[in-house]
């Protein structure tokens, strides 16, 4: 190890993450600079009285795939088809943006059967135990786009 390098572990300072991402983006650019950088996506469900958010979806651009980071609905509004509608809307936007598909992760106590019913398939998993729930990674390819 070089004497001028210090290795420090712990909670990062606010700018540390950005500095790391800049290094990573600089390295990745030689292979990915041609990929369009698209904005994040939020699709919200609001109550008609007051306009409060009762659920929604948040997704991010991940190199020609749309990553569904969050899909959540307040308990009293579940089972009304709202989650399915949010996912269909996300798929429509993903097609319009030219994505290969969508992907997401979910824990065993969450919504794996829901996503499978919508045509998502498991492509990976992390085991769990009595303290840690198993985690599943699912994807859905969009027929209109094919990777090279």
N, C-alpha and C. Protein backbone atom coordinates (compact mmCIF):
# COMPACT_ATOMS: atom_id res chain seq x y z
N UNK A 1 0.84 -1.17 0.00
CA UNK A 1 0.00 0.00 0.00
C UNK A 1 0.89 1.24 0.00
N UNK A 2 0.48 2.21 -0.76
CA UNK A 2 1.22 3.47 -0.84
C UNK A 2 1.08 4.25 0.46
N UNK A 3 2.15 4.89 0.94
CA UNK A 3 2.08 5.60 2.21
C UNK A 3 1.13 6.80 2.19
N UNK A 4 0.79 7.35 1.02
CA UNK A 4 -0.08 8.53 0.97
C UNK A 4 -1.56 8.16 0.85
N UNK A 5 -1.88 6.88 0.86
CA UNK A 5 -3.27 6.44 0.75
C UNK A 5 -3.77 6.05 2.13
N UNK A 6 -4.93 6.58 2.48
CA UNK A 6 -5.57 6.23 3.75
C UNK A 6 -6.86 5.51 3.44
N UNK A 7 -7.08 4.38 4.06
CA UNK A 7 -8.32 3.62 3.90
C UNK A 7 -9.19 3.92 5.12
N UNK A 8 -10.41 4.41 4.86
CA UNK A 8 -11.31 4.82 5.94
C UNK A 8 -12.66 4.16 5.72
N UNK A 9 -13.18 3.50 6.72
CA UNK A 9 -14.51 2.88 6.65
C UNK A 9 -15.43 3.61 7.60
N UNK A 10 -16.69 3.71 7.21
CA UNK A 10 -17.68 4.34 8.08
C UNK A 10 -18.75 5.04 7.28
N UNK A 11 -19.55 5.80 7.96
CA UNK A 11 -20.63 6.56 7.31
C UNK A 11 -20.00 7.61 6.39
N UNK A 12 -20.41 7.63 5.11
CA UNK A 12 -19.79 8.57 4.17
C UNK A 12 -20.24 10.02 4.41
N UNK A 13 -19.36 10.94 4.08
CA UNK A 13 -19.72 12.35 4.05
C UNK A 13 -20.67 12.56 2.88
N UNK A 14 -21.48 13.62 2.90
CA UNK A 14 -22.46 13.82 1.82
C UNK A 14 -21.86 13.80 0.41
N UNK A 15 -20.68 14.32 0.20
CA UNK A 15 -20.10 14.37 -1.14
C UNK A 15 -19.36 13.11 -1.55
N UNK A 16 -19.12 12.18 -0.61
CA UNK A 16 -18.35 10.98 -0.93
C UNK A 16 -19.01 10.11 -1.99
N UNK A 17 -20.31 9.92 -1.88
CA UNK A 17 -21.04 9.09 -2.84
C UNK A 17 -20.91 9.69 -4.24
N UNK A 18 -21.09 11.00 -4.36
CA UNK A 18 -20.98 11.66 -5.66
C UNK A 18 -19.58 11.50 -6.24
N UNK A 19 -18.55 11.60 -5.40
CA UNK A 19 -17.19 11.43 -5.89
C UNK A 19 -16.96 10.01 -6.40
N UNK A 20 -17.48 9.01 -5.68
CA UNK A 20 -17.35 7.62 -6.13
C UNK A 20 -18.10 7.41 -7.44
N UNK A 21 -19.32 7.94 -7.52
CA UNK A 21 -20.10 7.78 -8.75
C UNK A 21 -19.42 8.44 -9.94
N UNK A 22 -18.78 9.58 -9.73
CA UNK A 22 -18.05 10.24 -10.82
C UNK A 22 -16.92 9.37 -11.33
N UNK A 23 -16.20 8.69 -10.43
CA UNK A 23 -15.13 7.78 -10.85
C UNK A 23 -15.72 6.62 -11.65
N UNK A 24 -16.81 6.04 -11.14
CA UNK A 24 -17.45 4.91 -11.81
C UNK A 24 -18.00 5.32 -13.19
N UNK A 25 -18.68 6.46 -13.24
CA UNK A 25 -19.24 6.92 -14.52
C UNK A 25 -18.14 7.19 -15.54
N UNK A 26 -17.03 7.75 -15.08
CA UNK A 26 -15.90 7.99 -15.97
C UNK A 26 -15.36 6.70 -16.56
N UNK A 27 -15.25 5.68 -15.74
CA UNK A 27 -14.79 4.38 -16.22
C UNK A 27 -15.81 3.75 -17.16
N UNK A 28 -17.09 3.75 -16.76
CA UNK A 28 -18.15 3.12 -17.56
C UNK A 28 -18.37 3.81 -18.90
N UNK A 29 -18.06 5.08 -19.00
CA UNK A 29 -18.37 5.86 -20.20
C UNK A 29 -17.75 5.28 -21.46
N UNK A 30 -16.59 4.65 -21.36
CA UNK A 30 -15.96 4.08 -22.55
C UNK A 30 -16.81 2.98 -23.20
N UNK A 31 -17.71 2.36 -22.43
CA UNK A 31 -18.58 1.33 -22.98
C UNK A 31 -20.04 1.76 -23.05
N UNK A 32 -20.42 2.79 -22.33
CA UNK A 32 -21.84 3.13 -22.23
C UNK A 32 -22.19 4.55 -22.64
N UNK A 33 -21.23 5.32 -23.11
CA UNK A 33 -21.50 6.73 -23.43
C UNK A 33 -22.59 6.87 -24.50
N UNK A 34 -22.77 5.87 -25.34
CA UNK A 34 -23.78 5.91 -26.40
C UNK A 34 -25.20 5.68 -25.89
N UNK A 35 -25.35 5.22 -24.65
CA UNK A 35 -26.67 4.93 -24.10
C UNK A 35 -27.29 6.23 -23.57
N UNK A 36 -28.49 6.51 -24.01
CA UNK A 36 -29.18 7.74 -23.59
C UNK A 36 -29.44 7.70 -22.09
N UNK A 37 -29.22 8.82 -21.43
CA UNK A 37 -29.52 8.96 -20.01
C UNK A 37 -30.90 9.57 -19.90
N UNK A 38 -31.85 8.81 -19.38
CA UNK A 38 -33.23 9.25 -19.30
C UNK A 38 -33.56 9.64 -17.86
N UNK A 39 -34.55 10.47 -17.67
CA UNK A 39 -34.90 10.92 -16.30
C UNK A 39 -35.54 9.80 -15.49
N UNK A 40 -35.49 9.97 -14.17
CA UNK A 40 -36.21 9.06 -13.28
C UNK A 40 -37.70 9.16 -13.60
N UNK A 41 -38.46 8.25 -13.05
CA UNK A 41 -39.89 8.19 -13.33
C UNK A 41 -40.65 8.00 -12.04
N UNK A 42 -41.67 8.81 -11.83
CA UNK A 42 -42.60 8.63 -10.72
C UNK A 42 -44.01 8.62 -11.29
N UNK A 43 -44.80 7.66 -10.87
CA UNK A 43 -46.22 7.59 -11.22
C UNK A 43 -46.96 7.51 -9.89
N UNK A 44 -47.74 8.51 -9.58
CA UNK A 44 -48.37 8.61 -8.27
C UNK A 44 -49.87 8.40 -8.34
N UNK A 45 -50.41 7.79 -7.30
CA UNK A 45 -51.85 7.69 -7.11
C UNK A 45 -52.20 8.64 -5.97
N UNK A 46 -53.12 9.54 -6.23
CA UNK A 46 -53.51 10.55 -5.23
C UNK A 46 -54.99 10.42 -4.91
N UNK A 47 -55.34 10.77 -3.68
CA UNK A 47 -56.75 10.79 -3.29
C UNK A 47 -57.41 11.98 -3.98
N UNK A 48 -58.68 11.82 -4.31
CA UNK A 48 -59.39 12.92 -4.95
C UNK A 48 -59.67 14.04 -3.95
N UNK A 49 -59.84 13.69 -2.68
CA UNK A 49 -60.01 14.71 -1.65
C UNK A 49 -58.64 15.02 -1.06
N UNK A 50 -58.17 16.20 -1.26
CA UNK A 50 -56.91 16.63 -0.66
C UNK A 50 -55.66 16.38 -1.48
N UNK A 51 -55.73 15.45 -2.40
CA UNK A 51 -54.58 15.19 -3.26
C UNK A 51 -53.42 14.49 -2.59
N UNK A 52 -53.66 13.84 -1.44
CA UNK A 52 -52.58 13.12 -0.76
C UNK A 52 -52.14 11.91 -1.57
N UNK A 53 -50.86 11.63 -1.54
CA UNK A 53 -50.33 10.44 -2.21
C UNK A 53 -50.75 9.22 -1.40
N UNK A 54 -51.44 8.28 -2.07
CA UNK A 54 -51.88 7.05 -1.41
C UNK A 54 -51.04 5.86 -1.87
N UNK A 55 -50.20 6.09 -2.86
CA UNK A 55 -49.33 5.04 -3.38
C UNK A 55 -48.64 5.53 -4.62
N UNK A 56 -47.82 4.67 -5.15
CA UNK A 56 -47.14 5.05 -6.38
C UNK A 56 -45.96 4.18 -6.70
N UNK A 57 -45.29 4.59 -7.74
CA UNK A 57 -44.15 3.86 -8.28
C UNK A 57 -43.03 4.85 -8.53
N UNK A 58 -41.81 4.46 -8.19
CA UNK A 58 -40.62 5.24 -8.51
C UNK A 58 -39.66 4.33 -9.23
N UNK A 59 -39.13 4.80 -10.35
CA UNK A 59 -38.22 3.99 -11.16
C UNK A 59 -37.06 4.85 -11.64
N UNK A 60 -35.96 4.18 -11.98
CA UNK A 60 -34.80 4.89 -12.49
C UNK A 60 -34.27 4.23 -13.75
N UNK A 61 -33.60 5.02 -14.55
CA UNK A 61 -32.97 4.56 -15.79
C UNK A 61 -31.72 3.77 -15.42
N UNK A 62 -31.60 2.57 -15.97
CA UNK A 62 -30.44 1.72 -15.70
C UNK A 62 -29.94 1.12 -17.01
N UNK A 63 -29.23 1.94 -17.80
CA UNK A 63 -28.60 1.46 -19.04
C UNK A 63 -29.58 0.69 -19.93
N UNK A 64 -30.61 1.36 -20.37
CA UNK A 64 -31.63 0.81 -21.28
C UNK A 64 -32.58 -0.20 -20.64
N UNK A 65 -32.61 -0.23 -19.33
CA UNK A 65 -33.61 -0.96 -18.57
C UNK A 65 -34.25 0.02 -17.59
N UNK A 66 -35.52 -0.17 -17.29
CA UNK A 66 -36.18 0.64 -16.28
C UNK A 66 -36.20 -0.17 -14.98
N UNK A 67 -35.57 0.37 -13.94
CA UNK A 67 -35.53 -0.30 -12.64
C UNK A 67 -36.64 0.25 -11.75
N UNK A 68 -37.59 -0.62 -11.42
CA UNK A 68 -38.67 -0.24 -10.52
C UNK A 68 -38.12 -0.33 -9.10
N UNK A 69 -37.81 0.82 -8.54
CA UNK A 69 -37.19 0.85 -7.22
C UNK A 69 -38.24 0.69 -6.12
N UNK A 70 -39.38 1.35 -6.27
CA UNK A 70 -40.45 1.25 -5.28
C UNK A 70 -41.80 1.13 -5.98
N UNK A 71 -42.63 0.26 -5.45
CA UNK A 71 -44.06 0.22 -5.79
C UNK A 71 -44.76 0.00 -4.46
N UNK A 72 -45.59 0.95 -4.09
CA UNK A 72 -46.25 0.87 -2.79
C UNK A 72 -47.66 1.45 -2.87
N UNK A 73 -48.55 0.87 -2.08
CA UNK A 73 -49.93 1.34 -2.03
C UNK A 73 -50.38 1.21 -0.58
N UNK A 74 -51.06 2.23 -0.07
CA UNK A 74 -51.60 2.14 1.28
C UNK A 74 -52.53 0.94 1.36
N UNK A 75 -52.53 0.30 2.52
CA UNK A 75 -53.27 -0.95 2.71
C UNK A 75 -54.73 -0.87 2.25
N UNK A 76 -55.42 0.20 2.61
CA UNK A 76 -56.86 0.26 2.30
C UNK A 76 -57.15 0.39 0.81
N UNK A 77 -56.13 0.67 0.00
CA UNK A 77 -56.34 0.80 -1.44
C UNK A 77 -55.80 -0.40 -2.22
N UNK A 78 -55.29 -1.40 -1.51
CA UNK A 78 -54.78 -2.60 -2.19
C UNK A 78 -55.94 -3.47 -2.65
N UNK A 79 -55.70 -4.24 -3.70
CA UNK A 79 -56.73 -5.13 -4.23
C UNK A 79 -57.72 -4.44 -5.15
N UNK A 80 -57.46 -3.18 -5.49
CA UNK A 80 -58.36 -2.42 -6.36
C UNK A 80 -57.82 -2.31 -7.79
N UNK A 81 -56.68 -2.97 -8.06
CA UNK A 81 -56.09 -2.91 -9.39
C UNK A 81 -55.16 -1.72 -9.60
N UNK A 82 -54.93 -0.92 -8.57
CA UNK A 82 -54.09 0.27 -8.74
C UNK A 82 -52.63 -0.09 -8.99
N UNK A 83 -52.10 -1.09 -8.28
CA UNK A 83 -50.72 -1.52 -8.49
C UNK A 83 -50.50 -2.03 -9.90
N UNK A 84 -51.45 -2.82 -10.39
CA UNK A 84 -51.36 -3.32 -11.77
C UNK A 84 -51.38 -2.17 -12.77
N UNK A 85 -52.23 -1.20 -12.51
CA UNK A 85 -52.29 -0.04 -13.41
C UNK A 85 -50.98 0.74 -13.41
N UNK A 86 -50.39 0.95 -12.23
CA UNK A 86 -49.11 1.65 -12.15
C UNK A 86 -48.04 0.90 -12.94
N UNK A 87 -48.03 -0.43 -12.80
CA UNK A 87 -47.03 -1.23 -13.53
C UNK A 87 -47.27 -1.17 -15.04
N UNK A 88 -48.53 -1.23 -15.47
CA UNK A 88 -48.84 -1.11 -16.91
C UNK A 88 -48.40 0.25 -17.45
N UNK A 89 -48.65 1.31 -16.66
CA UNK A 89 -48.23 2.64 -17.09
C UNK A 89 -46.71 2.72 -17.20
N UNK A 90 -46.00 2.11 -16.25
CA UNK A 90 -44.53 2.09 -16.30
C UNK A 90 -44.05 1.34 -17.54
N UNK A 91 -44.71 0.22 -17.86
CA UNK A 91 -44.33 -0.54 -19.06
C UNK A 91 -44.57 0.27 -20.33
N UNK A 92 -45.67 1.00 -20.37
CA UNK A 92 -45.95 1.85 -21.53
C UNK A 92 -44.86 2.90 -21.70
N UNK A 93 -44.49 3.55 -20.62
CA UNK A 93 -43.44 4.57 -20.68
C UNK A 93 -42.11 3.94 -21.07
N UNK A 94 -41.82 2.74 -20.53
CA UNK A 94 -40.58 2.04 -20.87
C UNK A 94 -40.53 1.74 -22.38
N UNK A 95 -41.65 1.33 -22.95
CA UNK A 95 -41.70 1.09 -24.41
C UNK A 95 -41.44 2.39 -25.17
N UNK A 96 -42.10 3.47 -24.74
CA UNK A 96 -41.93 4.76 -25.41
C UNK A 96 -40.49 5.23 -25.35
N UNK A 97 -39.80 4.93 -24.26
CA UNK A 97 -38.40 5.32 -24.11
C UNK A 97 -37.44 4.36 -24.80
N UNK A 98 -37.94 3.23 -25.27
CA UNK A 98 -37.10 2.28 -25.99
C UNK A 98 -36.30 1.35 -25.11
N UNK A 99 -36.75 1.09 -23.89
CA UNK A 99 -36.04 0.19 -22.99
C UNK A 99 -36.15 -1.26 -23.46
N UNK A 100 -35.15 -2.08 -23.08
CA UNK A 100 -35.22 -3.53 -23.31
C UNK A 100 -36.31 -4.15 -22.46
N UNK A 101 -36.48 -3.62 -21.25
CA UNK A 101 -37.46 -4.16 -20.33
C UNK A 101 -37.40 -3.46 -18.99
N UNK A 102 -38.03 -4.08 -18.01
CA UNK A 102 -38.08 -3.56 -16.66
C UNK A 102 -37.55 -4.61 -15.70
N UNK A 103 -36.99 -4.18 -14.59
CA UNK A 103 -36.59 -5.13 -13.56
C UNK A 103 -36.82 -4.53 -12.19
N UNK A 104 -36.86 -5.39 -11.19
CA UNK A 104 -37.18 -4.97 -9.83
C UNK A 104 -36.70 -6.03 -8.85
N UNK A 105 -36.78 -5.72 -7.57
CA UNK A 105 -36.55 -6.73 -6.55
C UNK A 105 -37.66 -6.65 -5.52
N UNK A 106 -37.90 -7.78 -4.86
CA UNK A 106 -38.95 -7.86 -3.85
C UNK A 106 -38.55 -8.91 -2.82
N UNK A 107 -38.97 -8.71 -1.59
CA UNK A 107 -38.70 -9.68 -0.54
C UNK A 107 -39.81 -10.72 -0.51
N UNK A 108 -39.52 -11.87 0.12
CA UNK A 108 -40.48 -12.97 0.14
C UNK A 108 -41.80 -12.59 0.81
N UNK A 109 -41.80 -11.60 1.70
CA UNK A 109 -43.04 -11.20 2.37
C UNK A 109 -43.79 -10.12 1.58
N UNK A 110 -43.23 -9.71 0.45
CA UNK A 110 -43.86 -8.64 -0.32
C UNK A 110 -44.69 -9.21 -1.48
N UNK A 111 -44.31 -8.94 -2.72
CA UNK A 111 -45.26 -9.12 -3.82
C UNK A 111 -44.77 -9.98 -4.98
N UNK A 112 -43.94 -10.99 -4.71
CA UNK A 112 -43.43 -11.83 -5.80
C UNK A 112 -44.58 -12.42 -6.65
N UNK A 113 -45.62 -13.03 -6.08
CA UNK A 113 -46.71 -13.56 -6.91
C UNK A 113 -47.41 -12.49 -7.75
N UNK A 114 -47.54 -11.30 -7.20
CA UNK A 114 -48.15 -10.18 -7.93
C UNK A 114 -47.36 -9.89 -9.20
N UNK A 115 -46.05 -9.78 -9.09
CA UNK A 115 -45.22 -9.48 -10.26
C UNK A 115 -45.23 -10.63 -11.25
N UNK A 116 -45.20 -11.85 -10.76
CA UNK A 116 -45.23 -13.02 -11.66
C UNK A 116 -46.54 -13.04 -12.44
N UNK A 117 -47.64 -12.67 -11.80
CA UNK A 117 -48.95 -12.60 -12.47
C UNK A 117 -48.92 -11.57 -13.60
N UNK A 118 -48.08 -10.54 -13.46
CA UNK A 118 -47.95 -9.50 -14.49
C UNK A 118 -46.94 -9.88 -15.57
N UNK A 119 -46.38 -11.09 -15.50
CA UNK A 119 -45.47 -11.55 -16.54
C UNK A 119 -43.99 -11.39 -16.22
N UNK A 120 -43.66 -11.03 -14.99
CA UNK A 120 -42.26 -10.91 -14.59
C UNK A 120 -41.72 -12.28 -14.21
N UNK A 121 -40.45 -12.51 -14.49
CA UNK A 121 -39.84 -13.79 -14.16
C UNK A 121 -38.61 -13.58 -13.29
N UNK A 122 -38.41 -14.51 -12.36
CA UNK A 122 -37.26 -14.44 -11.45
C UNK A 122 -35.99 -14.74 -12.24
N UNK A 123 -34.98 -13.89 -12.07
CA UNK A 123 -33.68 -14.15 -12.69
C UNK A 123 -32.57 -14.26 -11.65
N UNK A 124 -32.92 -14.10 -10.38
CA UNK A 124 -31.93 -14.25 -9.32
C UNK A 124 -32.59 -14.14 -7.97
N UNK A 125 -31.86 -14.60 -6.96
CA UNK A 125 -32.39 -14.51 -5.61
C UNK A 125 -31.25 -14.50 -4.60
N UNK A 126 -31.55 -14.01 -3.42
CA UNK A 126 -30.65 -14.07 -2.27
C UNK A 126 -31.38 -14.84 -1.18
N UNK A 127 -30.71 -15.80 -0.61
CA UNK A 127 -31.31 -16.62 0.44
C UNK A 127 -31.54 -15.79 1.69
N UNK A 128 -32.44 -16.27 2.51
CA UNK A 128 -32.70 -15.64 3.78
C UNK A 128 -32.63 -16.65 4.91
N UNK A 129 -32.91 -16.19 6.11
CA UNK A 129 -33.02 -17.08 7.27
C UNK A 129 -34.05 -16.48 8.22
N UNK A 130 -34.05 -16.91 9.48
CA UNK A 130 -35.07 -16.44 10.41
C UNK A 130 -34.97 -14.94 10.72
N UNK A 131 -33.82 -14.32 10.43
CA UNK A 131 -33.65 -12.88 10.67
C UNK A 131 -33.71 -12.05 9.40
N UNK A 132 -33.51 -12.68 8.27
CA UNK A 132 -33.40 -11.96 7.00
C UNK A 132 -34.31 -12.60 5.96
N UNK A 133 -35.25 -11.83 5.40
CA UNK A 133 -36.13 -12.42 4.38
C UNK A 133 -35.39 -12.67 3.07
N UNK A 134 -35.79 -13.71 2.37
CA UNK A 134 -35.24 -13.97 1.04
C UNK A 134 -35.64 -12.82 0.12
N UNK A 135 -34.77 -12.56 -0.88
CA UNK A 135 -35.00 -11.46 -1.81
C UNK A 135 -34.97 -12.02 -3.23
N UNK A 136 -35.89 -11.56 -4.07
CA UNK A 136 -36.00 -12.05 -5.44
C UNK A 136 -35.84 -10.89 -6.42
N UNK A 137 -35.17 -11.17 -7.53
CA UNK A 137 -34.96 -10.20 -8.59
C UNK A 137 -35.75 -10.69 -9.80
N UNK A 138 -36.60 -9.83 -10.32
CA UNK A 138 -37.48 -10.21 -11.43
C UNK A 138 -37.30 -9.24 -12.59
N UNK A 139 -37.60 -9.73 -13.79
CA UNK A 139 -37.51 -8.89 -14.99
C UNK A 139 -38.66 -9.21 -15.92
N UNK A 140 -38.90 -8.25 -16.79
CA UNK A 140 -39.87 -8.43 -17.87
C UNK A 140 -39.32 -7.78 -19.11
N UNK A 141 -39.08 -8.58 -20.14
CA UNK A 141 -38.58 -8.06 -21.42
C UNK A 141 -39.74 -7.48 -22.19
N UNK A 142 -39.46 -6.42 -22.91
CA UNK A 142 -40.47 -5.81 -23.78
C UNK A 142 -40.23 -6.33 -25.19
N UNK A 143 -41.26 -6.85 -25.80
CA UNK A 143 -41.13 -7.52 -27.09
C UNK A 143 -40.62 -6.62 -28.20
N UNK A 144 -40.90 -5.32 -28.11
CA UNK A 144 -40.54 -4.41 -29.21
C UNK A 144 -39.04 -4.12 -29.26
N UNK A 145 -38.30 -4.41 -28.21
CA UNK A 145 -36.88 -4.10 -28.18
C UNK A 145 -36.08 -5.34 -27.88
N UNK A 146 -34.98 -5.52 -28.55
CA UNK A 146 -34.09 -6.66 -28.35
C UNK A 146 -32.67 -6.16 -28.23
N UNK A 147 -31.91 -6.65 -27.24
CA UNK A 147 -30.50 -6.25 -27.15
C UNK A 147 -29.69 -6.88 -28.28
N UNK A 148 -28.57 -6.25 -28.59
CA UNK A 148 -27.68 -6.79 -29.62
C UNK A 148 -26.99 -8.05 -29.15
